[in-house]
Amino acid sequence: MNRVKTVLFLGLLTGVLVAIGGAVGGSQGMVIALVIAAAMNFFSYWYSDKMVLKFYRARPVDMASAPELYSLVRELSGRAGLPMPRVCIIDDPTPNAFATGRNPDNAVVAVTTGILRILDQRELRGVLSHELAHVKDRDILISSVAATLAGAVMVLANIARFSLFFGGTDDDDDSGLGIIGVILISILAPLAAMLVQMAVSRSREYLADAEGAKISGDPRGLSSALARLENANRAQPMAHATPQTAHMFIVNPLSAQGMANLFSTHPPISERITRLNNMAPGGGADYRPQKEAGNRVQDRIVTPPPPPPSGDARGMGGKIDWS
């Protein structure tokens, strides 16, 4: 059902875009609107991943520099039937993670140093599985298209407002909706685009939670991670996060309290946790994360260790020793 909703939402967003193009310039405006959307989608498809990784200063890691994180991503990728994505770490104390890339063959999974500090290995498995689920379902492309269409709506809404000042619209002009129509659509279209983009993002998050729980085989590990990440991000939102990229993260990296939560691109954490716990054997019983500091992934993932001896499990993609 969530997949059907996604298709409907994207269709609605395209309809909003075409409608505002028609309001500005009639049938010719509709064509221009679609051309603008196509051009923006082309750019987003090829370059959005590079831009967001550069913006957050994500640094790539490999088996030599982050053996346990890299091995864990490789193991879970195999369970998901995906090619091994690139792995990056963002130097930020706020715990969070996202995936990007135009398709599974060009995917990147990025985590912050903060998430490695506060999660135990079971919770980290849940987070990484969630991000790999986004890759598997090609949610990165879907969310990029939604964000791009929403951006195109914003651009055309601004053009519509400017047209009022320069006499580009007339009530007697058959090519558009007239001045009243332009005023209404220039106000309502951006709001509609934001709501549709929010709905697309929320539906994909629920799907990624469910698919991620199947990949890891541990719904409660992910639900525990979500609770911990939500609390940490409320206490310390990401300093450099932007509304344009917030939908990419596993939890909202921005400070969203009160009414702001109604317009969040992420569904309520409490609802996500309830759904995940209901997937687990025994229903809604909570997972209790281990308290020992030694069980945290911490800095040893991001500090290059000595080269493993020949045949060591870390070098062969075997089981990781988290003790």
Protein backbone atom coordinates (compact mmCIF):
# COMPACT_ATOMS: atom_id res chain seq x y z
CA MET A 1 0.00 0.00 0.00
CA ASN A 2 2.84 2.42 0.80
CA ARG A 3 4.29 1.83 -2.69
CA VAL A 4 0.94 2.66 -4.28
CA LYS A 5 0.72 5.80 -2.17
CA THR A 6 4.20 6.83 -3.32
CA VAL A 7 3.19 6.57 -6.99
CA LEU A 8 0.02 8.55 -6.32
CA PHE A 9 1.90 11.23 -4.39
CA LEU A 10 4.49 11.65 -7.15
CA GLY A 11 1.70 11.87 -9.70
CA LEU A 12 -0.01 14.53 -7.59
CA LEU A 13 3.23 16.48 -7.28
CA THR A 14 3.67 16.38 -11.06
CA GLY A 15 0.07 17.56 -11.42
CA VAL A 16 0.74 20.52 -9.13
CA LEU A 17 3.78 21.38 -11.23
CA VAL A 18 1.81 21.24 -14.49
CA ALA A 19 -1.04 23.25 -12.96
CA ILE A 20 1.19 26.09 -11.88
CA GLY A 21 2.85 26.09 -15.30
CA GLY A 22 -0.60 26.39 -16.84
CA ALA A 23 -1.50 29.23 -14.50
CA VAL A 24 1.53 31.19 -15.60
CA GLY A 25 1.45 30.51 -19.33
CA GLY A 26 -1.36 28.17 -20.35
CA SER A 27 -0.42 25.14 -22.45
CA GLN A 28 2.96 26.63 -23.26
CA GLY A 29 3.56 27.14 -19.54
CA MET A 30 2.77 23.48 -18.89
CA VAL A 31 5.41 22.42 -21.40
CA ILE A 32 7.95 24.79 -19.87
CA ALA A 33 7.14 23.41 -16.40
CA LEU A 34 7.76 19.84 -17.54
CA VAL A 35 11.03 20.84 -19.23
CA ILE A 36 12.21 22.54 -16.04
CA ALA A 37 11.30 19.45 -14.00
CA ALA A 38 13.07 17.13 -16.45
CA ALA A 39 16.23 19.24 -16.39
CA MET A 40 16.26 19.40 -12.59
CA ASN A 41 15.64 15.66 -12.33
CA PHE A 42 18.51 14.95 -14.73
CA PHE A 43 20.86 17.04 -12.61
CA SER A 44 19.57 15.47 -9.39
CA TYR A 45 19.94 11.93 -10.78
CA TRP A 46 23.60 12.36 -11.70
CA TYR A 47 24.96 14.80 -9.17
CA SER A 48 22.82 14.96 -5.99
CA ASP A 49 24.83 12.24 -4.21
CA LYS A 50 28.15 13.99 -4.88
CA MET A 51 26.77 17.31 -3.70
CA VAL A 52 25.35 16.02 -0.42
CA LEU A 53 28.50 14.03 0.43
CA LYS A 54 30.64 17.08 -0.26
CA PHE A 55 28.31 19.31 1.75
CA TYR A 56 28.60 17.09 4.83
CA ARG A 57 32.32 16.50 4.25
CA ALA A 58 31.87 12.75 4.23
CA ARG A 59 35.16 10.85 4.00
CA PRO A 60 35.29 7.40 2.43
CA VAL A 61 36.56 4.49 4.50
CA ASP A 62 37.53 0.94 3.65
CA MET A 63 38.54 -2.31 5.32
CA ALA A 64 41.90 -0.87 6.36
CA SER A 65 40.58 2.32 7.95
CA ALA A 66 37.26 1.07 9.40
CA PRO A 67 37.33 -2.72 9.43
CA GLU A 68 34.34 -3.42 11.68
CA LEU A 69 31.99 -0.90 10.09
CA TYR A 70 33.05 -1.95 6.60
CA SER A 71 32.65 -5.66 7.38
CA LEU A 72 29.23 -5.09 8.87
CA VAL A 73 28.02 -3.19 5.78
CA ARG A 74 29.42 -5.94 3.56
CA GLU A 75 27.68 -8.66 5.54
CA LEU A 76 24.32 -6.89 5.51
CA SER A 77 24.65 -6.04 1.81
CA GLY A 78 25.07 -9.74 1.11
CA ARG A 79 21.98 -10.55 3.18
CA ALA A 80 20.04 -7.94 1.19
CA GLY A 81 21.32 -9.22 -2.17
CA LEU A 82 22.98 -5.88 -2.94
CA PRO A 83 26.40 -4.97 -4.32
CA MET A 84 28.77 -3.57 -1.72
CA PRO A 85 28.12 0.20 -1.43
CA ARG A 86 30.76 2.77 -0.66
CA VAL A 87 31.01 3.58 3.03
CA CYS A 88 31.61 7.07 4.41
CA ILE A 89 31.96 8.65 7.83
CA ILE A 90 30.91 12.20 8.67
CA ASP A 91 32.77 13.92 11.49
CA ASP A 92 29.78 15.12 13.47
CA PRO A 93 28.94 14.42 17.13
CA THR A 94 25.20 14.18 16.43
CA PRO A 95 24.29 10.53 15.77
CA ASN A 96 22.63 9.96 12.39
CA ALA A 97 22.99 8.14 9.07
CA PHE A 98 21.79 8.28 5.47
CA ALA A 99 22.18 6.53 2.12
CA THR A 100 22.57 8.19 -1.26
CA GLY A 101 23.41 7.29 -4.85
CA ARG A 102 21.32 6.97 -7.99
CA ASN A 103 21.09 3.13 -7.93
CA PRO A 104 22.40 0.11 -5.98
CA ASP A 105 25.56 -0.02 -8.09
CA ASN A 106 26.44 3.56 -7.13
CA ALA A 107 25.13 3.65 -3.57
CA VAL A 108 26.84 5.20 -0.55
CA VAL A 109 26.05 4.56 3.12
CA ALA A 110 27.21 7.37 5.41
CA VAL A 111 27.21 7.46 9.21
CA THR A 112 28.32 10.12 11.66
CA THR A 113 30.99 9.63 14.28
CA GLY A 114 28.26 10.34 16.82
CA ILE A 115 26.28 7.25 15.84
CA LEU A 116 29.36 5.08 16.26
CA ARG A 117 29.82 6.50 19.73
CA ILE A 118 26.36 5.87 21.20
CA LEU A 119 25.04 2.70 19.50
CA ASP A 120 25.92 -0.86 20.35
CA GLN A 121 26.53 -3.31 17.53
CA ARG A 122 22.98 -4.68 17.51
CA GLU A 123 21.52 -1.19 17.13
CA LEU A 124 24.06 -0.26 14.46
CA ARG A 125 23.08 -3.35 12.47
CA GLY A 126 19.50 -2.11 12.53
CA VAL A 127 20.45 1.36 11.30
CA LEU A 128 22.66 0.07 8.49
CA SER A 129 19.97 -2.40 7.42
CA HIS A 130 17.47 0.46 7.25
CA GLU A 131 19.79 2.43 4.97
CA LEU A 132 20.43 -0.59 2.77
CA ALA A 133 16.66 -1.06 2.51
CA HIS A 134 16.47 2.45 1.04
CA VAL A 135 19.11 1.40 -1.49
CA LYS A 136 17.30 -1.84 -2.32
CA ASP A 137 13.96 -0.11 -2.86
CA ARG A 138 15.60 2.73 -4.83
CA ASP A 139 14.16 5.22 -2.38
CA ILE A 140 17.11 7.52 -2.97
CA LEU A 141 16.00 8.11 -6.54
CA ILE A 142 12.34 8.47 -5.51
CA SER A 143 13.11 11.00 -2.78
CA SER A 144 15.41 12.90 -5.15
CA VAL A 145 12.66 13.10 -7.76
CA ALA A 146 10.16 14.25 -5.13
CA ALA A 147 12.54 16.89 -3.81
CA THR A 148 13.35 18.07 -7.33
CA LEU A 149 9.70 18.32 -8.35
CA ALA A 150 8.96 20.22 -5.15
CA GLY A 151 11.85 22.54 -5.94
CA ALA A 152 10.52 23.11 -9.45
CA VAL A 153 7.12 23.99 -7.99
CA MET A 154 8.78 26.57 -5.74
CA VAL A 155 10.62 28.08 -8.73
CA LEU A 156 7.47 28.34 -10.83
CA ALA A 157 5.50 29.76 -7.90
CA ASN A 158 8.06 32.55 -7.67
CA ILE A 159 7.81 33.12 -11.43
CA ALA A 160 4.04 33.35 -11.08
CA ARG A 161 4.38 35.99 -8.37
CA PHE A 162 6.84 37.98 -10.47
CA SER A 163 4.48 37.82 -13.44
CA LEU A 164 1.91 39.75 -11.45
CA PHE A 165 4.29 42.68 -11.05
CA PHE A 166 5.21 42.79 -14.73
CA GLY A 167 1.69 42.41 -16.13
CA GLY A 168 2.29 38.95 -17.51
CA THR A 169 -1.15 37.69 -16.54
CA ASP A 170 -4.58 39.03 -17.40
CA ASP A 171 -8.06 37.89 -16.39
CA ASP A 172 -9.09 37.98 -20.05
CA ASP A 173 -6.10 35.96 -21.20
CA ASP A 174 -7.20 32.48 -22.31
CA SER A 175 -3.67 31.14 -21.94
CA GLY A 176 -3.79 31.09 -18.14
CA LEU A 177 -6.02 31.12 -15.07
CA GLY A 178 -6.09 34.88 -14.69
CA ILE A 179 -4.71 37.04 -11.94
CA ILE A 180 -6.86 35.51 -9.18
CA GLY A 181 -5.84 32.02 -10.21
CA VAL A 182 -2.17 32.95 -10.27
CA ILE A 183 -2.39 34.50 -6.80
CA LEU A 184 -4.07 31.41 -5.37
CA ILE A 185 -1.81 28.88 -7.04
CA SER A 186 1.37 30.80 -6.19
CA ILE A 187 0.36 30.60 -2.52
CA LEU A 188 -1.15 27.12 -2.38
CA ALA A 189 1.18 25.24 -4.75
CA PRO A 190 4.32 25.47 -2.58
CA LEU A 191 2.32 24.30 0.44
CA ALA A 192 0.90 21.39 -1.55
CA ALA A 193 4.38 20.48 -2.83
CA MET A 194 5.78 20.48 0.71
CA LEU A 195 2.95 18.28 2.00
CA VAL A 196 3.29 15.81 -0.88
CA GLN A 197 7.07 15.60 -0.47
CA MET A 198 6.55 15.00 3.25
CA ALA A 199 4.04 12.23 2.52
CA VAL A 200 6.39 10.52 0.05
CA SER A 201 9.25 10.62 2.54
CA ARG A 202 7.14 9.30 5.41
CA SER A 203 5.77 6.37 3.42
CA ARG A 204 9.30 5.38 2.33
CA GLU A 205 10.57 5.51 5.93
CA TYR A 206 7.96 3.00 7.06
CA LEU A 207 8.90 0.71 4.17
CA ALA A 208 12.62 1.01 4.93
CA ASP A 209 12.00 0.18 8.60
CA ALA A 210 10.11 -2.98 7.67
CA GLU A 211 12.59 -4.04 4.97
CA GLY A 212 15.55 -3.19 7.20
CA ALA A 213 14.15 -5.34 9.99
CA LYS A 214 13.96 -8.25 7.54
CA ILE A 215 17.54 -7.72 6.40
CA SER A 216 18.94 -7.65 9.93
CA GLY A 217 16.46 -10.19 11.28
CA ASP A 218 16.14 -8.02 14.40
CA PRO A 219 13.29 -5.47 14.49
CA ARG A 220 13.95 -4.58 18.11
CA GLY A 221 17.55 -3.65 17.43
CA LEU A 222 16.36 -0.99 14.99
CA SER A 223 13.56 0.22 17.27
CA SER A 224 16.03 0.67 20.12
CA ALA A 225 18.37 2.60 17.82
CA LEU A 226 15.55 4.89 16.68
CA ALA A 227 14.65 5.76 20.27
CA ARG A 228 18.26 6.53 21.13
CA LEU A 229 18.81 8.57 17.96
CA GLU A 230 15.62 10.57 18.45
CA ASN A 231 16.61 11.58 21.96
CA ALA A 232 20.15 12.50 20.92
CA ASN A 233 19.02 14.59 17.93
CA ARG A 234 16.50 16.49 20.02
CA ALA A 235 19.18 17.29 22.56
CA GLN A 236 21.76 18.22 19.91
CA PRO A 237 20.44 18.77 16.35
CA MET A 238 23.01 18.61 13.56
CA ALA A 239 24.60 22.05 13.26
CA HIS A 240 25.01 21.96 9.46
CA ALA A 241 21.87 20.04 8.46
CA THR A 242 19.49 21.76 6.03
CA PRO A 243 15.76 21.32 5.35
CA GLN A 244 16.63 20.33 1.75
CA THR A 245 18.58 17.26 2.93
CA ALA A 246 16.79 16.43 6.19
CA HIS A 247 14.60 13.79 4.53
CA MET A 248 17.68 11.68 3.73
CA PHE A 249 18.57 10.91 7.35
CA ILE A 250 17.19 8.01 9.38
CA VAL A 251 15.87 10.47 11.98
CA ASN A 252 15.15 14.17 11.57
CA PRO A 253 18.47 16.01 12.08
CA LEU A 254 16.70 19.34 12.61
CA SER A 255 15.09 20.72 15.74
CA ALA A 256 11.36 20.11 15.23
CA GLN A 257 9.13 20.75 18.20
CA GLY A 258 5.39 21.36 18.49
CA MET A 259 3.72 22.37 15.23
CA ALA A 260 6.96 21.85 13.31
CA ASN A 261 6.57 18.10 13.79
CA LEU A 262 3.38 18.20 11.70
CA PHE A 263 5.46 19.20 8.68
CA SER A 264 8.37 16.86 9.33
CA THR A 265 9.54 14.61 6.50
CA HIS A 266 9.84 11.78 9.05
CA PRO A 267 6.93 9.85 10.59
CA PRO A 268 6.62 9.89 14.40
CA ILE A 269 9.35 7.83 16.04
CA SER A 270 6.82 6.34 18.47
CA GLU A 271 4.79 4.94 15.58
CA ARG A 272 7.90 3.55 13.87
CA ILE A 273 8.99 1.86 17.10
CA THR A 274 5.54 0.36 17.67
CA ARG A 275 5.45 -1.10 14.15
CA LEU A 276 8.93 -2.57 14.49
CA ASN A 277 8.28 -4.10 17.90
CA ASN A 278 5.06 -5.64 16.60
CA MET A 279 7.12 -7.34 13.87
CA ALA A 280 9.33 -9.05 16.45
CA PRO A 281 8.60 -12.42 18.07
CA GLY A 282 6.65 -11.75 21.23
CA GLY A 283 5.08 -8.55 19.89
CA GLY A 284 5.85 -5.24 21.52
CA ALA A 285 8.45 -6.32 24.08
CA ASP A 286 11.29 -3.82 24.25
CA TYR A 287 14.91 -4.56 23.46
CA ARG A 288 17.19 -3.52 26.30
CA PRO A 289 20.55 -2.32 24.91
CA GLN A 290 23.67 -3.35 26.74
CA LYS A 291 25.07 -0.68 29.05
CA GLU A 292 28.74 -1.53 28.97
CA ALA A 293 30.88 1.13 27.30
CA GLY A 294 32.99 -1.64 25.78
CA ASN A 295 30.04 -2.74 23.68
CA ARG A 296 29.84 0.60 21.89
CA VAL A 297 31.33 0.76 18.43
CA GLN A 298 33.14 4.01 19.34
CA ASP A 299 36.35 5.33 17.89
CA ARG A 300 37.99 1.99 17.14
CA ILE A 301 35.90 1.86 13.96
CA VAL A 302 37.34 5.11 12.70
CA THR A 303 40.92 4.63 13.91
CA PRO A 304 42.97 2.42 11.55
CA PRO A 305 44.07 -0.73 13.45
CA PRO A 306 47.18 -2.79 12.70
CA PRO A 307 46.84 -4.89 9.53
CA PRO A 308 45.05 -8.20 10.33
CA PRO A 309 47.07 -11.42 10.04
CA SER A 310 46.49 -13.67 7.09
CA GLY A 311 43.24 -15.60 7.38
CA ASP A 312 41.85 -13.30 10.07
CA ALA A 313 38.03 -13.07 9.93
CA ARG A 314 38.14 -9.31 9.44
CA GLY A 315 40.15 -9.64 6.27
CA MET A 316 37.98 -12.47 4.95
CA GLY A 317 34.58 -10.92 5.56
CA GLY A 318 33.79 -13.38 8.39
CA LYS A 319 32.17 -12.78 11.74
CA ILE A 320 33.30 -9.62 13.53
CA ASP A 321 34.56 -9.81 17.08
CA TRP A 322 32.67 -7.04 18.91
CA SER A 323 33.97 -7.90 22.36
